[in-house]
Amino acid sequence: MQQVDPKWLQAGLVLVCERCFKERIPEEDPEIAARIGDFHLRNWLKERLKADGRWGPIRAISTSCMDVCARGRVTVCIEPKHGETVVMIVDPIVDREEVYRAIVEKLDVSPPPTA
């Protein structure tokens, strides 16, 4: 066994339920699935974190079911290095900016200064 020190240990992880996107919403709420289209919250968060210089210390990853389900919503868990875990059920389109703000606030990582 080899112990490692990944960058995301600096701040924390954001877990996004993959099952919500791939199975639950399309099966239970096809009209919501049509509205969401090919948008994927985890991918959007990753690109936004990269654009803001926060990717690395914060990592957004897909998970399987976290057993916190709500129709037409996606479960997101913010798991900080220090502090309390936050679990939210969100509309992946409407709530995405609010989710991003919660991540930045909870994980408290400032982007590196630009040169």
Protein backbone atom coordinates (compact mmCIF):
# COMPACT_ATOMS: atom_id res chain seq x y z
CA MET A 1 0.00 0.00 0.00
CA GLN A 2 1.23 3.47 -0.87
CA GLN A 3 -0.10 6.58 0.82
CA VAL A 4 -0.60 9.61 -1.46
CA ASP A 5 -1.21 13.32 -0.97
CA PRO A 6 -3.61 14.48 -3.71
CA LYS A 7 -4.13 18.22 -4.32
CA TRP A 8 -7.77 18.03 -3.26
CA LEU A 9 -6.72 17.32 0.31
CA GLN A 10 -5.98 21.06 0.49
CA ALA A 11 -9.68 21.97 0.42
CA GLY A 12 -12.04 19.09 -0.30
CA LEU A 13 -14.29 17.22 -2.67
CA VAL A 14 -17.60 17.90 -4.35
CA LEU A 15 -19.55 14.71 -5.03
CA VAL A 16 -22.25 14.79 -7.72
CA CYS A 17 -24.63 11.85 -8.04
CA GLU A 18 -24.21 10.29 -11.47
CA ARG A 19 -27.25 8.06 -11.06
CA CYS A 20 -29.53 11.11 -10.88
CA PHE A 21 -28.45 12.19 -14.37
CA LYS A 22 -28.14 8.84 -16.07
CA GLU A 23 -31.03 6.88 -14.59
CA ARG A 24 -33.42 8.54 -12.17
CA ILE A 25 -34.30 11.79 -13.94
CA PRO A 26 -34.70 10.24 -17.42
CA GLU A 27 -36.82 7.38 -16.03
CA GLU A 28 -38.94 9.36 -13.56
CA ASP A 29 -39.15 12.78 -15.20
CA PRO A 30 -38.59 12.70 -18.97
CA GLU A 31 -39.73 16.33 -19.34
CA ILE A 32 -37.04 17.45 -16.87
CA ALA A 33 -34.50 15.26 -18.66
CA ALA A 34 -35.43 16.99 -21.93
CA ARG A 35 -34.95 20.42 -20.30
CA ILE A 36 -31.55 19.40 -18.91
CA GLY A 37 -30.49 17.90 -22.24
CA ASP A 38 -26.81 17.01 -22.37
CA PHE A 39 -25.89 19.38 -19.52
CA HIS A 40 -23.95 17.62 -16.79
CA LEU A 41 -23.47 19.43 -13.47
CA ARG A 42 -20.18 17.73 -12.58
CA ASN A 43 -18.62 18.68 -15.91
CA TRP A 44 -19.86 22.26 -15.57
CA LEU A 45 -18.45 22.52 -12.04
CA LYS A 46 -15.12 21.14 -13.20
CA GLU A 47 -14.84 23.67 -16.02
CA ARG A 48 -15.94 26.53 -13.76
CA LEU A 49 -13.42 25.55 -11.06
CA LYS A 50 -10.68 25.38 -13.70
CA ALA A 51 -11.64 28.75 -15.19
CA ASP A 52 -11.52 30.33 -11.73
CA GLY A 53 -8.17 28.72 -10.84
CA ARG A 54 -9.68 26.56 -8.09
CA TRP A 55 -9.38 23.13 -9.73
CA GLY A 56 -6.91 20.88 -7.95
CA PRO A 57 -7.45 21.89 -4.32
CA ILE A 58 -11.16 21.39 -5.05
CA ARG A 59 -12.19 18.36 -7.05
CA ALA A 60 -15.67 17.61 -8.41
CA ILE A 61 -16.28 13.92 -8.94
CA SER A 62 -19.20 11.71 -9.96
CA THR A 63 -20.53 9.18 -7.49
CA SER A 64 -23.10 6.45 -7.51
CA CYS A 65 -26.30 6.87 -5.53
CA MET A 66 -25.90 8.62 -2.17
CA ASP A 67 -29.41 7.48 -1.16
CA VAL A 68 -30.74 11.05 -0.88
CA CYS A 69 -33.13 11.25 -3.80
CA ALA A 70 -35.68 13.79 -4.93
CA ARG A 71 -37.64 13.81 -8.19
CA GLY A 72 -36.03 15.92 -10.87
CA ARG A 73 -33.11 16.89 -8.66
CA VAL A 74 -29.45 15.94 -8.29
CA THR A 75 -27.72 15.22 -5.00
CA VAL A 76 -24.53 17.19 -4.38
CA CYS A 77 -22.27 16.71 -1.37
CA ILE A 78 -19.55 19.19 -0.38
CA GLU A 79 -16.95 17.36 1.68
CA PRO A 80 -14.43 19.85 3.12
CA LYS A 81 -11.06 18.96 4.56
CA HIS A 82 -12.10 20.84 7.69
CA GLY A 83 -15.65 21.55 8.77
CA GLU A 84 -19.03 19.96 8.30
CA THR A 85 -20.22 18.14 5.22
CA VAL A 86 -23.06 19.79 3.29
CA VAL A 87 -25.54 17.72 1.28
CA MET A 88 -27.94 19.46 -1.12
CA ILE A 89 -30.59 18.38 -3.58
CA VAL A 90 -30.51 20.79 -6.51
CA ASP A 91 -31.96 21.58 -9.88
CA PRO A 92 -28.81 21.14 -11.98
CA ILE A 93 -29.63 24.04 -14.31
CA VAL A 94 -31.43 26.58 -12.12
CA ASP A 95 -29.28 26.10 -9.00
CA ARG A 96 -25.83 25.65 -10.57
CA GLU A 97 -24.52 29.15 -9.71
CA GLU A 98 -25.80 28.82 -6.15
CA VAL A 99 -24.11 25.41 -5.87
CA TYR A 100 -20.85 26.91 -7.14
CA ARG A 101 -21.03 29.75 -4.60
CA ALA A 102 -21.69 27.23 -1.81
CA ILE A 103 -18.66 25.21 -2.89
CA VAL A 104 -16.35 28.21 -2.92
CA GLU A 105 -17.71 29.47 0.40
CA LYS A 106 -17.57 26.10 2.16
CA LEU A 107 -14.17 25.06 0.82
CA ASP A 108 -12.73 28.58 1.17
CA VAL A 109 -10.09 28.39 -1.55
CA SER A 110 -9.05 31.60 -3.23
CA PRO A 111 -7.75 31.36 -6.79
CA PRO A 112 -4.06 32.03 -7.23
CA PRO A 113 -3.15 35.62 -8.11
CA THR A 114 -2.82 36.32 -11.80
CA ALA A 115 0.53 37.57 -13.08
